[in-house]
Structures are given as C-alpha cells and as structure tokens.
Amino acid sequence: MTRALRPLLLVALAACTRPGEDRALRDDDIGRASAEGITIDVADGLAHVRSLSAGAAELWAQAPVLDLTLDVDPAAAGRFTLTLGNALADHALTADTAAVAVTALGGPRPTVRAWELALPAGRTTLRIAPPDVDDLSPWRFAVMGDIQDALPTVDEVFAAIDAEPGLRFVVSTGDIVHRGREDEYALFEQQLTTLDIPFYSTIGNHELWADVDRWYRRFGRATVHFDFRGVAFSLVDSASATVDPAVHTLLDSWLAQHANDIHVFATHYPLLDPVGIRMGSFASRREAQALLARLAAAHVDVTFYGHLHTYVGFDNAGIPAHVSGGGGAEPMRLDGIDRHFLAVDADPTANRLTSVRVIRVD
C-alpha cells in the first residue's frame, strides 16, 4: 500500500466503524437558528427550524410538547408570526410573561398551527403544548412504518388512521421514501396534508439511498426522544443496521430517566430478526443482545420495529415486540398481511400499555 492511500483507507475504516456518526452529529444542530437579529433555540432539538426572519419563523414539530427561547435584538422586536407544521390540532402557545401578547391564527388544516406574537427585545421563553399535556387518563397512539414506493396511495392508510378514534399521533419506524429522491419527499409532505394528527418518525435504510440531507432539511432529527401524558418515547436511528455510540449514550440517559415510567422504544431494524428469512436485523448480534439487555434492565415496556414488510408479534429479552412494516411497501408474500398500522392503548395511572392492536387497511 502506498503512503498516499493510507489516509483514504483510514477514512473508509472509520466510516465503516461508525456509519451513523454524521447523523448523530447532525442531530445536535437541529432546533437552533439565527437570522436578522433573532435567535431561536428549541429544547432538545424537538422541532426543526425551516425558516427564520425578523418577522416570522416556520417550525416542523417532532414531538407533542415544545419549549423554545427567542433572543431578540432591539431592532428586530415587534410583530412576529410563528407557524408550526406537524402540529396537534389543539396545540396552544404560551409565553413566560404576560407582557408578550399572543394571538392564535389557526391554520389551513389540523396539523398546521400559527400564532402572532408581540416580541420584546431580549429573551422570551415559549411553550407549545396541548391542554391535555398533564392528563394521566388512558390515551392512544398509532405506529407504522415502511411506506416506500406506496407513497402515491399512503393517503388511504392515513384515512384509516384518521377513522380510528382517539389517536393523538403516529410514531413511525422509518422508510417513508423509497429512493430518497426530492420528489418522493415532496409527495410525502403532500400526503401528510390528508392526515389529521402529527407523524413523528425516525429514519430507515431507504432514507439513506440518496442524500440524507433531504430528510434533515424538511423534518429534523433522526433520533428523537420525548415524553407525553406519562409515556416516554425513544425513536432511535438504526438506519445503518446499528446505533451510533453517541446515540447509545443518549439512550442510556433516557433509560435511566424513565426506568419507572412507561417507555416505548422504536427503531427501524429489529434488533434480532424474528422471521429469519431475510436481512432483517442489526448487523451485529453482539450489539443487538447488549442493547436488549439494557432495555430489559431499564424496564422498557415495548419495542416497535419496521423494515420487514409484515406484522410479527413476539418477545425479545422478555419485552413485548412488534414489527409493523405495513405502510404499503411490497408485502412479504404468502403471509396474508398487507397494509396495516398498530393502535396502542396506554394507561399511565396503571403504568402500563393495555393493548397493541393490528388495524388492517387491506
């Protein structure tokens, strides 16, 4: 090997060792932006700042509760419009001081909310949350994954989700696009206009088929953690069939924080393939087994996976597990399971999930 080739080999080896490192680093930048005398910072990067100017900001939510700060130069103070996409229909915005006047503007559909604020110079802290944020009565959410080349008809799945009573939002395990093309992302956003509740997603391997920056420009983080109404959600990037060490470190903190709460773990690849007929698991069994041991020790209540275009219910390390890849991607043949999603019932007072039900679309 020539001396000139050695640096290239080292770079290649590093990329193979940590294929998700760039995404883990990129996640850290989500939720912060500065422009024209205004700086916005969304706590934990739970919303992506799509645009920012002296008079307006557009955010894309990745969680049902958002805390953010606005630092405003004197010259930028005044009327300011904040628009939130991927919102809950009952989202409300409150400021940390009564001196900040807030006017709700509504939105063109249930998942778009907008407010007008009279921003003073200095720092303003805002919270965007629904009125039931602290309600510990039973509630419901949906889980789905693997839309891919069925993007033109995923509105039919969304219609079935909208018809299911009481669902607050969708948790997705990724593979929302097929080839990672810009037109696919545009079509996905168009289809989301038919869904009446937010769609919170990690990424899958198909988001990596082209420039993953297309995901980041539109939606934000690849790994997301939030808690809502007594349930913690960890949506973890395993798009490279592994979890980056930096994400493992984050996950350990979330596991410790929610060891006594209902905790939902969702990722694209099953840690261990429950079917055994295709490459449907983590690349390393050692990593998968170690991660399962940590999830079990932290009393995680359920694991949700995608990647396999079917439904499989099973246990891993004593934790209930569900593969739900029924968003429309080519289904596994001969198993009789086509498009579907999961409806999940949570009872925070009892500190448990009471049911996970398969809702068939076809």
Protein backbone atom coordinates (compact mmCIF):
# COMPACT_ATOMS: atom_id res chain seq x y z
CA MET A 1 0.00 0.00 0.00
CA THR A 2 1.32 3.42 -0.90
CA ARG A 3 1.63 6.12 1.76
CA ALA A 4 -0.82 8.28 -0.21
CA LEU A 5 -3.55 5.61 0.07
CA ARG A 6 -3.27 5.14 3.83
CA PRO A 7 -5.33 8.24 4.81
CA LEU A 8 -8.08 7.16 2.43
CA LEU A 9 -8.17 3.71 3.98
CA LEU A 10 -8.37 5.17 7.48
CA VAL A 11 -11.31 7.35 6.44
CA ALA A 12 -13.04 4.34 4.89
CA LEU A 13 -12.46 2.23 8.01
CA ALA A 14 -13.81 5.00 10.24
CA ALA A 15 -16.92 5.26 8.09
CA CYS A 16 -17.47 1.50 8.37
CA THR A 17 -16.95 1.60 12.14
CA ARG A 18 -19.40 4.46 12.72
CA PRO A 19 -21.71 4.71 9.70
CA GLY A 20 -24.23 6.77 11.67
CA GLU A 21 -21.76 9.23 13.18
CA ASP A 22 -22.52 12.08 10.77
CA ARG A 23 -26.23 11.76 11.51
CA ALA A 24 -25.64 11.74 15.28
CA LEU A 25 -23.60 14.93 14.93
CA ARG A 26 -26.15 16.48 12.61
CA ASP A 27 -28.91 15.83 15.15
CA ASP A 28 -27.12 18.13 17.61
CA ASP A 29 -27.63 21.10 15.28
CA ILE A 30 -31.38 20.69 14.93
CA GLY A 31 -33.64 23.26 16.56
CA ARG A 32 -31.24 26.22 16.52
CA ALA A 33 -31.10 29.09 14.04
CA SER A 34 -30.23 32.79 13.87
CA ALA A 35 -31.25 35.42 11.33
CA GLU A 36 -31.94 39.15 11.17
CA GLY A 37 -31.48 39.80 14.87
CA ILE A 38 -33.41 36.78 16.16
CA THR A 39 -32.02 33.53 17.58
CA ILE A 40 -34.31 30.58 18.18
CA ASP A 41 -33.44 27.53 20.26
CA VAL A 42 -35.84 24.59 20.61
CA ALA A 43 -35.11 22.47 23.68
CA ASP A 44 -33.67 19.02 22.81
CA GLY A 45 -33.99 19.82 19.11
CA LEU A 46 -37.60 18.64 19.11
CA ALA A 47 -38.56 20.92 16.22
CA HIS A 48 -36.72 21.78 13.02
CA VAL A 49 -36.42 25.46 12.14
CA ARG A 50 -37.42 25.51 8.49
CA SER A 51 -37.20 29.27 8.09
CA LEU A 52 -36.47 32.31 10.24
CA SER A 53 -36.57 36.04 9.62
CA ALA A 54 -37.15 39.19 11.66
CA GLY A 55 -40.91 38.82 11.28
CA ALA A 56 -41.59 35.10 11.09
CA ALA A 57 -40.45 31.55 11.76
CA GLU A 58 -41.66 28.20 10.48
CA LEU A 59 -41.04 25.08 12.56
CA TRP A 60 -41.65 21.39 11.97
CA ALA A 61 -42.54 19.57 15.19
CA GLN A 62 -41.07 16.18 16.09
CA ALA A 63 -42.80 15.97 19.47
CA PRO A 64 -46.14 17.00 21.02
CA VAL A 65 -44.61 19.42 23.56
CA LEU A 66 -42.07 22.09 22.59
CA ASP A 67 -40.13 24.51 24.77
CA LEU A 68 -38.22 27.23 22.94
CA THR A 69 -36.44 30.51 23.56
CA LEU A 70 -36.25 33.53 21.30
CA ASP A 71 -33.42 36.04 21.76
CA VAL A 72 -34.38 39.27 20.01
CA ASP A 73 -32.21 42.27 19.21
CA PRO A 74 -33.91 45.65 19.77
CA ALA A 75 -34.11 46.33 16.04
CA ALA A 76 -35.95 43.01 15.48
CA ALA A 77 -38.55 43.48 18.22
CA GLY A 78 -42.18 43.75 17.20
CA ARG A 79 -44.79 41.66 15.45
CA PHE A 80 -43.70 38.06 14.85
CA THR A 81 -45.59 35.13 13.28
CA LEU A 82 -44.74 31.60 14.40
CA THR A 83 -46.07 28.75 12.23
CA LEU A 84 -45.85 25.13 13.36
CA GLY A 85 -46.18 22.20 10.97
CA ASN A 86 -46.82 18.61 12.08
CA ALA A 87 -48.81 20.06 14.95
CA LEU A 88 -51.64 18.81 17.11
CA ALA A 89 -54.98 20.41 16.29
CA ASP A 90 -55.31 21.60 19.90
CA HIS A 91 -51.79 22.97 20.31
CA ALA A 92 -51.66 26.21 22.29
CA LEU A 93 -48.75 28.63 22.68
CA THR A 94 -47.98 30.38 25.95
CA ALA A 95 -45.21 32.81 26.88
CA ASP A 96 -43.30 33.04 30.14
CA THR A 97 -44.55 36.57 30.69
CA ALA A 98 -47.88 38.28 30.27
CA ALA A 99 -46.04 41.11 28.57
CA VAL A 100 -45.86 39.03 25.39
CA ALA A 101 -49.21 39.25 23.65
CA VAL A 102 -50.14 36.03 21.80
CA THR A 103 -52.89 35.77 19.20
CA ALA A 104 -53.85 32.38 17.78
CA LEU A 105 -54.23 32.50 13.98
CA GLY A 106 -55.40 28.95 13.45
CA GLY A 107 -54.21 27.09 10.36
CA PRO A 108 -55.33 25.71 7.00
CA ARG A 109 -55.62 22.15 8.35
CA PRO A 110 -55.47 20.37 11.74
CA THR A 111 -51.70 19.80 11.62
CA VAL A 112 -50.75 23.43 10.99
CA ARG A 113 -50.99 25.98 13.82
CA ALA A 114 -49.93 29.65 13.74
CA TRP A 115 -49.67 32.45 16.27
CA GLU A 116 -48.85 36.15 16.17
CA LEU A 117 -46.67 37.50 18.96
CA ALA A 118 -45.61 40.96 20.03
CA LEU A 119 -41.96 40.18 20.75
CA PRO A 120 -39.99 42.46 23.05
CA ALA A 121 -36.22 42.81 22.86
CA GLY A 122 -34.31 40.31 24.96
CA ARG A 123 -35.19 36.71 25.75
CA THR A 124 -38.67 35.24 25.57
CA THR A 125 -39.46 31.65 26.58
CA LEU A 126 -42.38 29.91 24.86
CA ARG A 127 -44.15 26.60 25.33
CA ILE A 128 -46.29 24.88 22.71
CA ALA A 129 -48.43 22.12 24.20
CA PRO A 130 -51.98 20.75 24.07
CA PRO A 131 -54.34 21.23 27.02
CA ASP A 132 -54.17 17.53 27.98
CA VAL A 133 -50.37 17.52 28.37
CA ASP A 134 -50.61 16.53 32.06
CA ASP A 135 -53.65 14.26 31.76
CA LEU A 136 -52.82 10.75 33.01
CA SER A 137 -56.07 9.13 31.91
CA PRO A 138 -55.85 6.37 29.26
CA TRP A 139 -54.97 7.53 25.75
CA ARG A 140 -53.93 6.13 22.34
CA PHE A 141 -51.31 6.49 19.62
CA ALA A 142 -50.56 4.73 16.32
CA VAL A 143 -47.43 3.00 15.00
CA MET A 144 -46.50 2.31 11.39
CA GLY A 145 -43.53 2.05 9.04
CA ASP A 146 -42.28 1.26 5.53
CA ILE A 147 -44.23 3.32 3.02
CA GLN A 148 -41.55 3.43 0.30
CA ASP A 149 -42.93 3.05 -3.22
CA ALA A 150 -46.54 3.14 -1.94
CA LEU A 151 -46.33 6.91 -1.39
CA PRO A 152 -48.99 7.59 -4.07
CA THR A 153 -51.59 5.64 -2.07
CA VAL A 154 -50.48 6.14 1.55
CA ASP A 155 -53.34 8.61 1.95
CA GLU A 156 -55.56 5.51 2.18
CA VAL A 157 -53.59 4.37 5.24
CA PHE A 158 -53.81 7.87 6.67
CA ALA A 159 -57.59 7.85 6.15
CA ALA A 160 -57.82 4.62 8.16
CA ILE A 161 -55.72 6.19 10.92
CA ASP A 162 -57.97 9.25 10.98
CA ALA A 163 -61.00 6.94 11.26
CA GLU A 164 -59.61 5.20 14.35
CA PRO A 165 -60.99 7.03 17.41
CA GLY A 166 -58.79 8.86 19.88
CA LEU A 167 -55.33 8.54 18.33
CA ARG A 168 -53.14 11.50 19.33
CA PHE A 169 -50.25 10.98 16.89
CA VAL A 170 -48.39 8.45 14.76
CA VAL A 171 -45.00 7.00 15.67
CA SER A 172 -43.10 5.83 12.57
CA THR A 173 -40.13 3.47 12.34
CA GLY A 174 -38.88 4.94 9.06
CA ASP A 175 -38.57 4.06 5.36
CA ILE A 176 -41.09 6.70 4.43
CA VAL A 177 -39.47 7.11 0.98
CA HIS A 178 -38.15 4.54 -1.48
CA ARG A 179 -35.06 6.02 -3.16
CA GLY A 180 -34.58 9.17 -1.09
CA ARG A 181 -35.45 11.43 -4.04
CA GLU A 182 -36.60 15.01 -3.61
CA ASP A 183 -39.86 14.32 -5.44
CA GLU A 184 -40.61 11.46 -3.02
CA TYR A 185 -40.19 13.74 -0.01
CA ALA A 186 -42.40 16.34 -1.67
CA LEU A 187 -45.07 13.73 -2.32
CA PHE A 188 -44.85 12.50 1.27
CA GLU A 189 -45.44 16.01 2.58
CA GLN A 190 -48.38 16.37 0.24
CA GLN A 191 -49.84 13.10 1.52
CA LEU A 192 -49.36 14.24 5.10
CA THR A 193 -51.90 17.00 4.42
CA THR A 194 -54.53 14.22 4.44
CA LEU A 195 -53.56 13.08 7.95
CA ASP A 196 -55.24 14.91 10.82
CA ILE A 197 -52.65 14.07 13.51
CA PRO A 198 -48.85 14.51 13.68
CA PHE A 199 -46.42 11.95 12.27
CA TYR A 200 -43.25 11.55 14.38
CA SER A 201 -40.60 9.41 12.71
CA THR A 202 -37.07 8.14 12.86
CA ILE A 203 -35.35 7.15 9.61
CA GLY A 204 -34.82 3.82 7.87
CA ASN A 205 -32.27 2.47 5.43
CA HIS A 206 -34.23 3.77 2.42
CA GLU A 207 -33.73 7.35 3.61
CA LEU A 208 -30.00 6.65 3.09
CA TRP A 209 -30.32 5.64 -0.57
CA ALA A 210 -29.68 9.25 -1.60
CA ASP A 211 -28.66 12.47 0.14
CA VAL A 212 -29.95 12.17 3.73
CA ASP A 213 -29.72 15.96 3.93
CA ARG A 214 -33.09 15.93 2.22
CA TRP A 215 -34.56 14.45 5.41
CA TYR A 216 -32.81 16.98 7.62
CA ARG A 217 -33.87 19.98 5.54
CA ARG A 218 -37.52 19.04 5.96
CA PHE A 219 -38.04 17.17 9.21
CA GLY A 220 -35.11 17.46 11.61
CA ARG A 221 -33.55 14.85 13.88
CA ALA A 222 -33.10 11.18 13.02
CA THR A 223 -33.16 10.22 16.72
CA VAL A 224 -35.93 11.75 18.81
CA HIS A 225 -36.91 11.43 22.47
CA PHE A 226 -39.92 12.96 24.20
CA ASP A 227 -42.47 12.16 26.87
CA PHE A 228 -46.19 12.84 26.78
CA ARG A 229 -49.00 12.06 29.20
CA GLY A 230 -46.96 9.63 31.28
CA VAL A 231 -45.33 7.79 28.37
CA ALA A 232 -41.72 8.20 27.21
CA PHE A 233 -40.85 7.67 23.55
CA SER A 234 -37.36 6.94 22.21
CA LEU A 235 -37.28 6.88 18.39
CA VAL A 236 -33.76 5.73 17.60
CA ASP A 237 -31.83 5.89 14.31
CA SER A 238 -30.76 2.39 13.24
CA ALA A 239 -30.83 3.12 9.51
CA SER A 240 -27.34 1.63 9.11
CA ALA A 241 -28.35 -1.56 10.99
CA THR A 242 -26.51 -0.24 14.03
CA VAL A 243 -26.84 2.56 16.58
CA ASP A 244 -24.06 5.10 16.77
CA PRO A 245 -22.15 5.22 20.10
CA ALA A 246 -23.22 8.84 20.64
CA VAL A 247 -26.86 7.76 20.33
CA HIS A 248 -26.24 4.83 22.68
CA THR A 249 -25.04 7.38 25.25
CA LEU A 250 -28.20 9.45 24.81
CA LEU A 251 -30.34 6.35 25.06
CA ASP A 252 -28.69 5.31 28.32
CA SER A 253 -29.67 8.66 29.85
CA TRP A 254 -33.27 8.24 28.66
CA LEU A 255 -33.42 4.69 30.01
CA ALA A 256 -32.22 5.85 33.41
CA GLN A 257 -34.61 8.79 33.45
CA HIS A 258 -37.69 6.68 32.64
CA ALA A 259 -36.93 3.39 34.38
CA ASN A 260 -40.16 3.74 36.39
CA ASP A 261 -42.33 5.08 33.56
CA ILE A 262 -43.97 3.58 30.52
CA HIS A 263 -41.19 3.64 27.93
CA VAL A 264 -41.68 2.98 24.21
CA PHE A 265 -38.59 2.12 22.14
CA ALA A 266 -38.95 2.37 18.35
CA THR A 267 -36.31 1.85 15.68
CA HIS A 268 -36.18 0.72 12.07
CA TYR A 269 -34.26 -2.56 12.15
CA PRO A 270 -35.40 -5.31 14.51
CA LEU A 271 -32.56 -5.96 16.94
CA LEU A 272 -32.84 -9.68 16.20
CA ASP A 273 -34.69 -10.98 13.13
CA PRO A 274 -37.89 -12.72 14.32
CA VAL A 275 -38.55 -14.18 10.86
CA GLY A 276 -35.09 -15.38 9.83
CA ILE A 277 -35.67 -15.33 6.08
CA ARG A 278 -34.04 -12.05 5.11
CA MET A 279 -31.51 -9.49 6.34
CA GLY A 280 -33.89 -8.11 8.91
CA SER A 281 -31.83 -7.37 11.99
CA PHE A 282 -28.88 -5.43 13.37
CA ALA A 283 -25.59 -6.11 11.62
CA SER A 284 -24.04 -7.17 14.94
CA ARG A 285 -25.74 -9.74 17.15
CA ARG A 286 -23.42 -8.69 19.95
CA GLU A 287 -24.64 -5.09 19.77
CA ALA A 288 -28.25 -6.23 19.49
CA GLN A 289 -28.01 -8.52 22.52
CA ALA A 290 -26.24 -5.88 24.61
CA LEU A 291 -28.87 -3.28 23.70
CA LEU A 292 -31.70 -5.68 24.51
CA ALA A 293 -30.12 -6.37 27.89
CA ARG A 294 -30.03 -2.63 28.61
CA LEU A 295 -33.66 -2.18 27.51
CA ALA A 296 -34.76 -5.05 29.72
CA ALA A 297 -32.77 -3.80 32.72
CA ALA A 298 -34.44 -0.39 32.34
CA HIS A 299 -37.92 -1.96 32.21
CA VAL A 300 -38.76 -0.75 28.71
CA ASP A 301 -42.38 -1.67 28.08
CA VAL A 302 -42.42 -2.35 24.34
CA THR A 303 -40.19 -2.31 21.26
CA PHE A 304 -41.52 -1.38 17.82
CA TYR A 305 -39.63 -2.18 14.62
CA GLY A 306 -40.10 -1.81 10.87
CA HIS A 307 -38.03 -2.98 7.87
CA LEU A 308 -39.91 -6.29 7.47
CA HIS A 309 -42.99 -5.67 5.34
CA THR A 310 -45.34 -7.67 7.51
CA TYR A 311 -46.62 -7.88 11.06
CA VAL A 312 -44.89 -10.03 13.66
CA GLY A 313 -45.62 -10.01 17.38
CA PHE A 314 -43.09 -11.63 19.68
CA ASP A 315 -40.96 -11.10 22.79
CA ASN A 316 -37.32 -10.02 22.90
CA ALA A 317 -35.50 -10.31 26.22
CA GLY A 318 -38.91 -10.55 27.86
CA ILE A 319 -40.07 -7.25 26.31
CA PRO A 320 -43.15 -7.32 24.06
CA ALA A 321 -42.05 -6.60 20.49
CA HIS A 322 -43.94 -5.73 17.32
CA VAL A 323 -42.71 -5.49 13.74
CA SER A 324 -45.13 -3.38 11.73
CA GLY A 325 -43.97 -2.70 8.18
CA GLY A 326 -47.41 -2.26 6.68
CA GLY A 327 -47.22 1.26 5.28
CA GLY A 328 -47.54 -0.06 1.73
CA ALA A 329 -44.07 -1.28 0.71
CA GLU A 330 -44.17 -4.61 -1.15
CA PRO A 331 -45.53 -7.05 1.44
CA MET A 332 -43.98 -10.37 2.30
CA ARG A 333 -45.54 -12.94 0.05
CA LEU A 334 -47.87 -15.68 1.21
CA ASP A 335 -48.22 -14.41 4.78
CA GLY A 336 -51.58 -12.73 4.12
CA ILE A 337 -50.64 -9.49 5.84
CA ASP A 338 -50.94 -6.36 3.75
CA ARG A 339 -51.24 -2.68 4.65
CA HIS A 340 -51.88 -2.06 8.32
CA PHE A 341 -50.93 0.03 11.33
CA LEU A 342 -50.96 -0.53 15.08
CA ALA A 343 -53.26 1.19 17.58
CA VAL A 344 -51.67 1.30 21.03
CA ASP A 345 -53.54 1.98 24.28
CA ALA A 346 -51.66 3.42 27.25
CA ASP A 347 -52.83 3.70 30.85
CA PRO A 348 -50.33 5.94 32.69
CA THR A 349 -52.11 5.61 36.04
CA ALA A 350 -51.69 1.83 35.88
CA ASN A 351 -48.20 2.40 34.41
CA ARG A 352 -48.70 0.01 31.50
CA LEU A 353 -49.71 -0.37 27.88
CA THR A 354 -53.03 -2.15 27.86
CA SER A 355 -53.19 -3.25 24.23
CA VAL A 356 -51.44 -3.22 20.86
CA ARG A 357 -53.93 -3.92 18.11
CA VAL A 358 -53.35 -4.51 14.40
CA ILE A 359 -55.68 -2.38 12.25
CA ARG A 360 -55.82 -3.72 8.69
CA VAL A 361 -56.23 -1.33 5.79
CA ASP A 362 -56.46 -4.08 3.14
